[in-house]
């Protein structure tokens, strides 16, 4: 790819490349000029949903042919795309919205392209998780992107339990029909007072960025049906640092209570018995339980 001082980009057909192109997550004004020019000039666009992407491409006068590349056909379609790349054509990969591969298809294609010595070039732009982090007020020097939690309650709770002691900010995607269940599970497994932020419909008309404890967010979403719609990023503060090591006798009492009671109740009762702060006991109980 070459560029001149005017900002125009030309795909070099003699040296093919796979372009991983970010597209808007809502506001079409976030589409970069470079992204439009690459999409216009490549031989083929691999899109997660060609019908969904057709509207975007029409808006920017992109007439390049499209093929579908999604979770059900990725390996089969990747083979065809890799052959075209090997033959000297350039291909662009786009998701329905935002940056490809973040909870979207494309990993197999990118991995195989790199293994075969094909250039893979990022065309950066919007990303829902990065946009949410940037306005959340939560620590961004260390964060862990989890993506979507398991749909089934038992697996979801198990996954959250494994993340309970993670000190970095946790970043999740969630679907509207599971947001209340996930918030309830997070409140129980991570601690109801854990600070969190719901970023919903970012860059769109009904954008919401709401912060508070997990317990407060659960009440906020439960009390407003409109907050149970749209695209959602849920950010949760990392586990607080353990203030001091627990006295062995306190830990023994907590262990006994955990054998008979859920984590929240065990921590509350241990706090009454020992006088140690409930939050500290709760975090220790989560660690012991895991």
C-alpha atoms as a PDB file:
ATOM      1  CA  UNK A   1       0.000   0.000   0.000  1.00  0.00           C
ATOM      2  CA  UNK A   2       1.339   3.396  -0.964  1.00  0.00           C
ATOM      3  CA  UNK A   3       0.114   6.815   0.078  1.00  0.00           C
ATOM      4  CA  UNK A   4       0.698  10.280  -1.329  1.00  0.00           C
ATOM      5  CA  UNK A   5       0.617  13.592   0.476  1.00  0.00           C
ATOM      6  CA  UNK A   6      -3.076  13.934  -0.327  1.00  0.00           C
ATOM      7  CA  UNK A   7      -3.935  10.884   1.773  1.00  0.00           C
ATOM      8  CA  UNK A   8      -4.980   8.543  -1.051  1.00  0.00           C
ATOM      9  CA  UNK A   9      -4.134   4.861  -0.575  1.00  0.00           C
ATOM     10  CA  UNK A  10      -3.514   2.434  -3.415  1.00  0.00           C
ATOM     11  CA  UNK A  11      -3.533  -1.332  -3.023  1.00  0.00           C
ATOM     12  CA  UNK A  12      -0.503  -2.920  -4.673  1.00  0.00           C
ATOM     13  CA  UNK A  13      -1.956  -5.812  -6.697  1.00  0.00           C
ATOM     14  CA  UNK A  14       1.515  -7.274  -7.163  1.00  0.00           C
ATOM     15  CA  UNK A  15       1.880  -7.682  -3.412  1.00  0.00           C
ATOM     16  CA  UNK A  16      -1.435  -8.780  -1.965  1.00  0.00           C
ATOM     17  CA  UNK A  17      -2.551  -8.093   1.585  1.00  0.00           C
ATOM     18  CA  UNK A  18      -5.345  -8.881   3.983  1.00  0.00           C
ATOM     19  CA  UNK A  19      -6.676  -5.617   5.402  1.00  0.00           C
ATOM     20  CA  UNK A  20      -8.418  -5.814   8.786  1.00  0.00           C
ATOM     21  CA  UNK A  21     -10.716  -2.796   8.619  1.00  0.00           C
ATOM     22  CA  UNK A  22     -12.556  -1.186  11.532  1.00  0.00           C
ATOM     23  CA  UNK A  23     -16.003   0.245  10.779  1.00  0.00           C
ATOM     24  CA  UNK A  24     -18.352   2.470  12.833  1.00  0.00           C
ATOM     25  CA  UNK A  25     -20.106   1.095  15.918  1.00  0.00           C
ATOM     26  CA  UNK A  26     -22.988   3.488  15.329  1.00  0.00           C
ATOM     27  CA  UNK A  27     -22.160   6.963  14.082  1.00  0.00           C
ATOM     28  CA  UNK A  28     -21.189   6.796  10.390  1.00  0.00           C
ATOM     29  CA  UNK A  29     -19.088   9.911  10.864  1.00  0.00           C
ATOM     30  CA  UNK A  30     -16.517   7.716  12.594  1.00  0.00           C
ATOM     31  CA  UNK A  31     -15.642   5.919   9.345  1.00  0.00           C
ATOM     32  CA  UNK A  32     -12.118   6.902   8.322  1.00  0.00           C
ATOM     33  CA  UNK A  33     -11.267   8.065   4.811  1.00  0.00           C
ATOM     34  CA  UNK A  34      -8.518   5.453   4.676  1.00  0.00           C
ATOM     35  CA  UNK A  35     -11.021   2.682   5.494  1.00  0.00           C
ATOM     36  CA  UNK A  36     -13.337   3.819   2.685  1.00  0.00           C
ATOM     37  CA  UNK A  37     -10.507   3.942   0.144  1.00  0.00           C
ATOM     38  CA  UNK A  38      -9.204   0.491   1.082  1.00  0.00           C
ATOM     39  CA  UNK A  39     -12.702  -1.005   0.814  1.00  0.00           C
ATOM     40  CA  UNK A  40     -13.144   0.596  -2.603  1.00  0.00           C
ATOM     41  CA  UNK A  41      -9.854  -0.723  -3.948  1.00  0.00           C
ATOM     42  CA  UNK A  42      -9.519  -4.303  -2.710  1.00  0.00           C
ATOM     43  CA  UNK A  43     -10.720  -7.159  -4.893  1.00  0.00           C
ATOM     44  CA  UNK A  44     -13.076  -8.586  -2.280  1.00  0.00           C
ATOM     45  CA  UNK A  45     -14.598  -7.787   1.123  1.00  0.00           C
ATOM     46  CA  UNK A  46     -15.206 -10.544   3.678  1.00  0.00           C
ATOM     47  CA  UNK A  47     -18.082  -9.401   5.892  1.00  0.00           C
ATOM     48  CA  UNK A  48     -19.654 -11.033   8.924  1.00  0.00           C
ATOM     49  CA  UNK A  49     -23.145 -10.356   7.523  1.00  0.00           C
ATOM     50  CA  UNK A  50     -23.227  -9.163   3.931  1.00  0.00           C
ATOM     51  CA  UNK A  51     -26.795  -7.848   4.215  1.00  0.00           C
ATOM     52  CA  UNK A  52     -25.915  -5.788   7.287  1.00  0.00           C
ATOM     53  CA  UNK A  53     -22.709  -4.435   5.747  1.00  0.00           C
ATOM     54  CA  UNK A  54     -24.420  -3.643   2.429  1.00  0.00           C
ATOM     55  CA  UNK A  55     -26.050  -0.560   3.981  1.00  0.00           C
ATOM     56  CA  UNK A  56     -22.701   0.754   5.190  1.00  0.00           C
ATOM     57  CA  UNK A  57     -20.997   0.085   1.875  1.00  0.00           C
ATOM     58  CA  UNK A  58     -23.788   1.773  -0.114  1.00  0.00           C
ATOM     59  CA  UNK A  59     -23.524   4.846   2.088  1.00  0.00           C
ATOM     60  CA  UNK A  60     -19.836   5.220   1.222  1.00  0.00           C
ATOM     61  CA  UNK A  61     -20.260   4.272  -2.464  1.00  0.00           C
ATOM     62  CA  UNK A  62     -18.284   1.054  -2.087  1.00  0.00           C
ATOM     63  CA  UNK A  63     -19.193  -1.366  -4.877  1.00  0.00           C
ATOM     64  CA  UNK A  64     -16.560  -4.031  -4.143  1.00  0.00           C
ATOM     65  CA  UNK A  65     -18.008  -7.579  -4.132  1.00  0.00           C
ATOM     66  CA  UNK A  66     -18.689  -9.115  -0.697  1.00  0.00           C
ATOM     67  CA  UNK A  67     -18.666 -12.639   0.675  1.00  0.00           C
ATOM     68  CA  UNK A  68     -19.897 -13.800   4.060  1.00  0.00           C
ATOM     69  CA  UNK A  69     -17.391 -14.931   6.657  1.00  0.00           C
ATOM     70  CA  UNK A  70     -19.032 -15.902   9.942  1.00  0.00           C
ATOM     71  CA  UNK A  71     -18.642 -18.419  12.759  1.00  0.00           C
ATOM     72  CA  UNK A  72     -20.393 -21.192  10.795  1.00  0.00           C
ATOM     73  CA  UNK A  73     -18.314 -20.992   7.612  1.00  0.00           C
ATOM     74  CA  UNK A  74     -15.057 -19.332   8.666  1.00  0.00           C
ATOM     75  CA  UNK A  75     -12.687 -22.242   8.044  1.00  0.00           C
ATOM     76  CA  UNK A  76     -14.201 -23.165   4.681  1.00  0.00           C
ATOM     77  CA  UNK A  77     -14.416 -19.549   3.513  1.00  0.00           C
ATOM     78  CA  UNK A  78     -10.918 -18.761   4.793  1.00  0.00           C
ATOM     79  CA  UNK A  79      -9.465 -21.390   2.465  1.00  0.00           C
ATOM     80  CA  UNK A  80     -11.029 -19.658  -0.545  1.00  0.00           C
ATOM     81  CA  UNK A  81      -9.874 -16.231   0.598  1.00  0.00           C
ATOM     82  CA  UNK A  82      -6.337 -17.433   1.267  1.00  0.00           C
ATOM     83  CA  UNK A  83      -6.201 -18.837  -2.269  1.00  0.00           C
ATOM     84  CA  UNK A  84      -7.211 -15.483  -3.726  1.00  0.00           C
ATOM     85  CA  UNK A  85      -4.615 -13.755  -1.561  1.00  0.00           C
ATOM     86  CA  UNK A  86      -1.997 -16.247  -2.736  1.00  0.00           C
ATOM     87  CA  UNK A  87      -2.981 -15.413  -6.332  1.00  0.00           C
ATOM     88  CA  UNK A  88      -2.097 -11.759  -5.767  1.00  0.00           C
ATOM     89  CA  UNK A  89      -5.489 -10.260  -4.894  1.00  0.00           C
ATOM     90  CA  UNK A  90      -6.081  -8.116  -1.809  1.00  0.00           C
ATOM     91  CA  UNK A  91      -8.966  -8.745   0.573  1.00  0.00           C
ATOM     92  CA  UNK A  92     -10.558  -6.633   3.315  1.00  0.00           C
ATOM     93  CA  UNK A  93     -12.090  -8.134   6.449  1.00  0.00           C
ATOM     94  CA  UNK A  94     -14.877  -6.243   8.248  1.00  0.00           C
ATOM     95  CA  UNK A  95     -17.224  -7.084  11.113  1.00  0.00           C
ATOM     96  CA  UNK A  96     -20.816  -5.917  11.547  1.00  0.00           C
ATOM     97  CA  UNK A  97     -19.450  -3.025  13.590  1.00  0.00           C
ATOM     98  CA  UNK A  98     -16.182  -1.933  15.153  1.00  0.00           C
ATOM     99  CA  UNK A  99     -12.842  -3.694  14.959  1.00  0.00           C
ATOM    100  CA  UNK A 100     -12.898  -7.288  13.633  1.00  0.00           C
ATOM    101  CA  UNK A 101     -11.879 -10.285  15.787  1.00  0.00           C
ATOM    102  CA  UNK A 102     -13.050  -8.757  19.097  1.00  0.00           C
ATOM    103  CA  UNK A 103     -15.848 -11.261  19.782  1.00  0.00           C
ATOM    104  CA  UNK A 104     -16.243 -11.443  15.994  1.00  0.00           C
ATOM    105  CA  UNK A 105     -15.071 -13.942  13.329  1.00  0.00           C
ATOM    106  CA  UNK A 106     -11.743 -13.612  11.554  1.00  0.00           C
ATOM    107  CA  UNK A 107      -9.147 -15.159  13.863  1.00  0.00           C
ATOM    108  CA  UNK A 108      -8.619 -18.261  11.730  1.00  0.00           C
ATOM    109  CA  UNK A 109      -8.240 -16.201   8.544  1.00  0.00           C
ATOM    110  CA  UNK A 110      -5.728 -13.794  10.088  1.00  0.00           C
ATOM    111  CA  UNK A 111      -3.769 -16.586  11.747  1.00  0.00           C
ATOM    112  CA  UNK A 112      -3.499 -18.626   8.546  1.00  0.00           C
ATOM    113  CA  UNK A 113      -2.639 -15.579   6.434  1.00  0.00           C
ATOM    114  CA  UNK A 114       0.266 -14.736   8.724  1.00  0.00           C
ATOM    115  CA  UNK A 115       1.453 -18.339   8.753  1.00  0.00           C
ATOM    116  CA  UNK A 116       1.480 -18.343   4.959  1.00  0.00           C
ATOM    117  CA  UNK A 117       3.534 -15.157   4.790  1.00  0.00           C
ATOM    118  CA  UNK A 118       0.695 -12.954   3.559  1.00  0.00           C
ATOM    119  CA  UNK A 119       0.780  -9.363   4.762  1.00  0.00           C
ATOM    120  CA  UNK A 120      -1.937  -8.547   7.299  1.00  0.00           C
ATOM    121  CA  UNK A 121      -2.476  -4.801   7.615  1.00  0.00           C
ATOM    122  CA  UNK A 122      -4.626  -3.099  10.263  1.00  0.00           C
ATOM    123  CA  UNK A 123      -6.859  -0.203   9.278  1.00  0.00           C
ATOM    124  CA  UNK A 124      -7.712   0.990  12.803  1.00  0.00           C
ATOM    125  CA  UNK A 125     -10.827   2.763  13.929  1.00  0.00           C
ATOM    126  CA  UNK A 126     -13.813   2.377  16.251  1.00  0.00           C
ATOM    127  CA  UNK A 127     -13.926  -0.268  18.977  1.00  0.00           C
ATOM    128  CA  UNK A 128     -16.787  -0.442  21.475  1.00  0.00           C
ATOM    129  CA  UNK A 129     -14.651  -1.752  24.328  1.00  0.00           C
ATOM    130  CA  UNK A 130     -11.938   0.892  23.887  1.00  0.00           C
ATOM    131  CA  UNK A 131     -14.537   3.656  23.564  1.00  0.00           C
ATOM    132  CA  UNK A 132     -16.222   2.459  26.767  1.00  0.00           C
ATOM    133  CA  UNK A 133     -12.947   2.261  28.685  1.00  0.00           C
ATOM    134  CA  UNK A 134     -11.955   5.762  27.587  1.00  0.00           C
ATOM    135  CA  UNK A 135     -15.012   7.371  29.231  1.00  0.00           C
ATOM    136  CA  UNK A 136     -15.587   4.981  32.144  1.00  0.00           C
ATOM    137  CA  UNK A 137     -13.406   6.561  34.794  1.00  0.00           C
ATOM    138  CA  UNK A 138     -12.176   3.066  35.697  1.00  0.00           C
ATOM    139  CA  UNK A 139      -8.450   2.206  35.557  1.00  0.00           C
ATOM    140  CA  UNK A 140      -7.269   1.620  31.984  1.00  0.00           C
ATOM    141  CA  UNK A 141      -3.589   0.943  32.642  1.00  0.00           C
ATOM    142  CA  UNK A 142      -4.521  -2.710  33.053  1.00  0.00           C
ATOM    143  CA  UNK A 143      -7.706  -4.264  31.693  1.00  0.00           C
ATOM    144  CA  UNK A 144      -8.835  -7.736  30.677  1.00  0.00           C
ATOM    145  CA  UNK A 145     -11.221  -8.182  27.748  1.00  0.00           C
ATOM    146  CA  UNK A 146     -13.548 -11.114  28.449  1.00  0.00           C
ATOM    147  CA  UNK A 147     -16.080 -10.634  25.662  1.00  0.00           C
ATOM    148  CA  UNK A 148     -19.401 -12.427  26.078  1.00  0.00           C
ATOM    149  CA  UNK A 149     -19.967 -14.533  29.181  1.00  0.00           C
ATOM    150  CA  UNK A 150     -21.464 -18.030  28.777  1.00  0.00           C
ATOM    151  CA  UNK A 151     -25.204 -18.047  28.110  1.00  0.00           C
ATOM    152  CA  UNK A 152     -25.951 -20.756  30.679  1.00  0.00           C
ATOM    153  CA  UNK A 153     -26.143 -19.592  34.292  1.00  0.00           C
ATOM    154  CA  UNK A 154     -23.902 -22.262  35.831  1.00  0.00           C
ATOM    155  CA  UNK A 155     -21.099 -21.726  33.315  1.00  0.00           C
ATOM    156  CA  UNK A 156     -21.452 -17.949  33.606  1.00  0.00           C
ATOM    157  CA  UNK A 157     -21.129 -18.040  37.384  1.00  0.00           C
ATOM    158  CA  UNK A 158     -18.155 -20.367  37.157  1.00  0.00           C
ATOM    159  CA  UNK A 159     -16.426 -17.981  34.758  1.00  0.00           C
ATOM    160  CA  UNK A 160     -17.107 -15.023  37.043  1.00  0.00           C
ATOM    161  CA  UNK A 161     -15.815 -16.931  40.066  1.00  0.00           C
ATOM    162  CA  UNK A 162     -12.540 -17.486  38.229  1.00  0.00           C
ATOM    163  CA  UNK A 163     -12.296 -13.718  37.617  1.00  0.00           C
ATOM    164  CA  UNK A 164     -13.169 -12.612  41.155  1.00  0.00           C
ATOM    165  CA  UNK A 165      -9.573 -12.008  42.240  1.00  0.00           C
ATOM    166  CA  UNK A 166      -8.448 -10.409  38.946  1.00  0.00           C
ATOM    167  CA  UNK A 167      -6.926  -6.996  39.837  1.00  0.00           C
ATOM    168  CA  UNK A 168      -7.378  -5.434  36.368  1.00  0.00           C
ATOM    169  CA  UNK A 169     -10.538  -3.783  35.063  1.00  0.00           C
ATOM    170  CA  UNK A 170     -12.794  -6.416  33.485  1.00  0.00           C
ATOM    171  CA  UNK A 171     -14.450  -5.666  30.132  1.00  0.00           C
ATOM    172  CA  UNK A 172     -17.485  -7.636  28.959  1.00  0.00           C
ATOM    173  CA  UNK A 173     -19.887  -7.553  26.049  1.00  0.00           C
ATOM    174  CA  UNK A 174     -23.457  -8.502  26.927  1.00  0.00           C
ATOM    175  CA  UNK A 175     -26.709  -9.033  25.066  1.00  0.00           C
ATOM    176  CA  UNK A 176     -29.898  -7.180  26.065  1.00  0.00           C
ATOM    177  CA  UNK A 177     -31.837 -10.299  27.031  1.00  0.00           C
ATOM    178  CA  UNK A 178     -29.125 -11.414  29.468  1.00  0.00           C
ATOM    179  CA  UNK A 179     -28.016  -8.107  30.991  1.00  0.00           C
ATOM    180  CA  UNK A 180     -30.109  -8.416  34.165  1.00  0.00           C
ATOM    181  CA  UNK A 181     -29.070 -12.015  34.788  1.00  0.00           C
ATOM    182  CA  UNK A 182     -25.418 -11.152  34.247  1.00  0.00           C
ATOM    183  CA  UNK A 183     -25.556  -8.153  36.573  1.00  0.00           C
ATOM    184  CA  UNK A 184     -27.173 -10.297  39.261  1.00  0.00           C
ATOM    185  CA  UNK A 185     -24.487 -12.973  38.884  1.00  0.00           C
ATOM    186  CA  UNK A 186     -21.707 -10.378  38.897  1.00  0.00           C
ATOM    187  CA  UNK A 187     -23.116  -8.797  42.024  1.00  0.00           C
ATOM    188  CA  UNK A 188     -23.063 -12.140  43.809  1.00  0.00           C
ATOM    189  CA  UNK A 189     -19.807 -13.552  42.451  1.00  0.00           C
ATOM    190  CA  UNK A 190     -17.703 -10.355  42.324  1.00  0.00           C
ATOM    191  CA  UNK A 191     -19.292  -8.375  45.149  1.00  0.00           C
ATOM    192  CA  UNK A 192     -22.349  -6.126  45.061  1.00  0.00           C
ATOM    193  CA  UNK A 193     -20.281  -3.037  45.967  1.00  0.00           C
ATOM    194  CA  UNK A 194     -17.755  -3.523  43.154  1.00  0.00           C
ATOM    195  CA  UNK A 195     -17.641  -0.372  41.000  1.00  0.00           C
ATOM    196  CA  UNK A 196     -18.897  -0.851  37.440  1.00  0.00           C
ATOM    197  CA  UNK A 197     -19.954   1.075  34.324  1.00  0.00           C
ATOM    198  CA  UNK A 198     -22.585   0.208  31.727  1.00  0.00           C
ATOM    199  CA  UNK A 199     -21.830   1.737  28.304  1.00  0.00           C
ATOM    200  CA  UNK A 200     -24.822   1.216  26.020  1.00  0.00           C
ATOM    201  CA  UNK A 201     -25.478   2.227  22.402  1.00  0.00           C
ATOM    202  CA  UNK A 202     -22.169   4.098  22.168  1.00  0.00           C
ATOM    203  CA  UNK A 203     -22.091   6.820  19.466  1.00  0.00           C
ATOM    204  CA  UNK A 204     -25.813   6.279  18.784  1.00  0.00           C
ATOM    205  CA  UNK A 205     -28.844   8.429  19.566  1.00  0.00           C
ATOM    206  CA  UNK A 206     -29.653   6.838  22.930  1.00  0.00           C
ATOM    207  CA  UNK A 207     -26.092   6.487  24.203  1.00  0.00           C
ATOM    208  CA  UNK A 208     -25.832   5.762  27.935  1.00  0.00           C
ATOM    209  CA  UNK A 209     -22.752   5.674  30.154  1.00  0.00           C
ATOM    210  CA  UNK A 210     -23.898   4.874  33.686  1.00  0.00           C
ATOM    211  CA  UNK A 211     -21.615   4.157  36.613  1.00  0.00           C
ATOM    212  CA  UNK A 212     -22.164   2.888  40.142  1.00  0.00           C
ATOM    213  CA  UNK A 213     -21.822  -0.264  42.188  1.00  0.00           C
ATOM    214  CA  UNK A 214     -22.955  -3.511  40.587  1.00  0.00           C
ATOM    215  CA  UNK A 215     -25.926  -3.440  42.935  1.00  0.00           C
ATOM    216  CA  UNK A 216     -26.818   0.098  41.805  1.00  0.00           C
ATOM    217  CA  UNK A 217     -26.416  -0.769  38.130  1.00  0.00           C
ATOM    218  CA  UNK A 218     -28.667  -3.777  38.562  1.00  0.00           C
ATOM    219  CA  UNK A 219     -31.372  -1.526  40.050  1.00  0.00           C
ATOM    220  CA  UNK A 220     -30.841   1.095  37.303  1.00  0.00           C
ATOM    221  CA  UNK A 221     -31.257  -1.396  34.455  1.00  0.00           C
ATOM    222  CA  UNK A 222     -34.100  -3.239  36.154  1.00  0.00           C
ATOM    223  CA  UNK A 223     -36.022   0.020  36.644  1.00  0.00           C
ATOM    224  CA  UNK A 224     -35.782   1.206  33.025  1.00  0.00           C
ATOM    225  CA  UNK A 225     -36.741  -1.128  30.190  1.00  0.00           C
ATOM    226  CA  UNK A 226     -34.947   1.147  27.709  1.00  0.00           C
ATOM    227  CA  UNK A 227     -31.644   0.254  29.378  1.00  0.00           C
ATOM    228  CA  UNK A 228     -32.285  -3.384  28.467  1.00  0.00           C
ATOM    229  CA  UNK A 229     -31.960  -2.685  24.733  1.00  0.00           C
ATOM    230  CA  UNK A 230     -29.112  -2.211  22.281  1.00  0.00           C
ATOM    231  CA  UNK A 231     -25.388  -2.928  22.190  1.00  0.00           C
ATOM    232  CA  UNK A 232     -23.750  -3.134  25.612  1.00  0.00           C
ATOM    233  CA  UNK A 233     -20.284  -2.975  27.108  1.00  0.00           C
ATOM    234  CA  UNK A 234     -20.070  -3.709  30.819  1.00  0.00           C
ATOM    235  CA  UNK A 235     -16.922  -2.696  32.704  1.00  0.00           C
ATOM    236  CA  UNK A 236     -16.180  -3.853  36.239  1.00  0.00           C
ATOM    237  CA  UNK A 237     -13.392  -2.583  38.478  1.00  0.00           C
ATOM    238  CA  UNK A 238     -10.700  -5.081  39.364  1.00  0.00           C
ATOM    239  CA  UNK A 239     -10.590  -6.791  42.732  1.00  0.00           C
ATOM    240  CA  UNK A 240      -9.460  -4.459  45.523  1.00  0.00           C
ATOM    241  CA  UNK A 241      -6.077  -5.185  47.048  1.00  0.00           C
ATOM    242  CA  UNK A 242      -6.267  -7.266  50.203  1.00  0.00           C
ATOM    243  CA  UNK A 243      -5.589  -4.855  53.040  1.00  0.00           C
ATOM    244  CA  UNK A 244      -3.693  -7.225  55.306  1.00  0.00           C
ATOM    245  CA  UNK A 245      -3.294 -10.953  55.646  1.00  0.00           C
ATOM    246  CA  UNK A 246      -6.053 -12.498  57.718  1.00  0.00           C
ATOM    247  CA  UNK A 247      -5.326 -13.943  61.106  1.00  0.00           C
ATOM    248  CA  UNK A 248      -5.193 -17.780  60.793  1.00  0.00           C
ATOM    249  CA  UNK A 249      -8.050 -18.118  63.286  1.00  0.00           C
ATOM    250  CA  UNK A 250     -10.229 -15.730  61.247  1.00  0.00           C
ATOM    251  CA  UNK A 251      -9.421 -17.682  58.106  1.00  0.00           C
ATOM    252  CA  UNK A 252     -10.303 -20.938  59.890  1.00  0.00           C
ATOM    253  CA  UNK A 253     -13.688 -19.540  60.940  1.00  0.00           C
ATOM    254  CA  UNK A 254     -14.352 -18.298  57.421  1.00  0.00           C
ATOM    255  CA  UNK A 255     -13.440 -21.711  56.006  1.00  0.00           C
ATOM    256  CA  UNK A 256     -15.890 -23.473  58.318  1.00  0.00           C
ATOM    257  CA  UNK A 257     -18.676 -21.091  57.378  1.00  0.00           C
ATOM    258  CA  UNK A 258     -17.962 -21.549  53.669  1.00  0.00           C
ATOM    259  CA  UNK A 259     -18.569 -25.265  54.041  1.00  0.00           C
ATOM    260  CA  UNK A 260     -22.191 -24.540  54.963  1.00  0.00           C
ATOM    261  CA  UNK A 261     -23.055 -21.125  53.511  1.00  0.00           C
ATOM    262  CA  UNK A 262     -22.819 -19.156  50.244  1.00  0.00           C
ATOM    263  CA  UNK A 263     -19.883 -16.761  49.976  1.00  0.00           C
ATOM    264  CA  UNK A 264     -21.860 -13.597  50.756  1.00  0.00           C
ATOM    265  CA  UNK A 265     -23.514 -15.026  53.867  1.00  0.00           C
ATOM    266  CA  UNK A 266     -20.303 -16.639  55.094  1.00  0.00           C
ATOM    267  CA  UNK A 267     -18.421 -13.357  54.810  1.00  0.00           C
ATOM    268  CA  UNK A 268     -21.179 -11.397  56.571  1.00  0.00           C
ATOM    269  CA  UNK A 269     -21.371 -13.859  59.446  1.00  0.00           C
ATOM    270  CA  UNK A 270     -17.589 -14.062  59.772  1.00  0.00           C
ATOM    271  CA  UNK A 271     -17.480 -10.259  59.970  1.00  0.00           C
ATOM    272  CA  UNK A 272     -19.969 -10.317  62.864  1.00  0.00           C
ATOM    273  CA  UNK A 273     -17.985 -12.997  64.679  1.00  0.00           C
ATOM    274  CA  UNK A 274     -14.475 -11.598  64.156  1.00  0.00           C
ATOM    275  CA  UNK A 275     -14.928  -7.866  63.687  1.00  0.00           C
ATOM    276  CA  UNK A 276     -12.942  -7.946  60.410  1.00  0.00           C
ATOM    277  CA  UNK A 277     -14.320  -5.826  57.542  1.00  0.00           C
ATOM    278  CA  UNK A 278     -16.921  -7.654  55.498  1.00  0.00           C
ATOM    279  CA  UNK A 279     -15.432  -6.609  52.124  1.00  0.00           C
ATOM    280  CA  UNK A 280     -12.026  -8.028  53.061  1.00  0.00           C
ATOM    281  CA  UNK A 281     -13.617 -11.270  54.215  1.00  0.00           C
ATOM    282  CA  UNK A 282     -15.722 -11.424  51.045  1.00  0.00           C
ATOM    283  CA  UNK A 283     -12.664 -11.173  48.791  1.00  0.00           C
ATOM    284  CA  UNK A 284     -10.842 -13.774  50.876  1.00  0.00           C
ATOM    285  CA  UNK A 285     -13.893 -16.032  50.742  1.00  0.00           C
ATOM    286  CA  UNK A 286     -14.001 -15.765  46.944  1.00  0.00           C
ATOM    287  CA  UNK A 287     -10.309 -16.719  46.776  1.00  0.00           C
ATOM    288  CA  UNK A 288     -10.833 -19.672  49.119  1.00  0.00           C
ATOM    289  CA  UNK A 289     -13.933 -20.826  47.235  1.00  0.00           C
ATOM    290  CA  UNK A 290     -12.141 -20.765  43.894  1.00  0.00           C
END
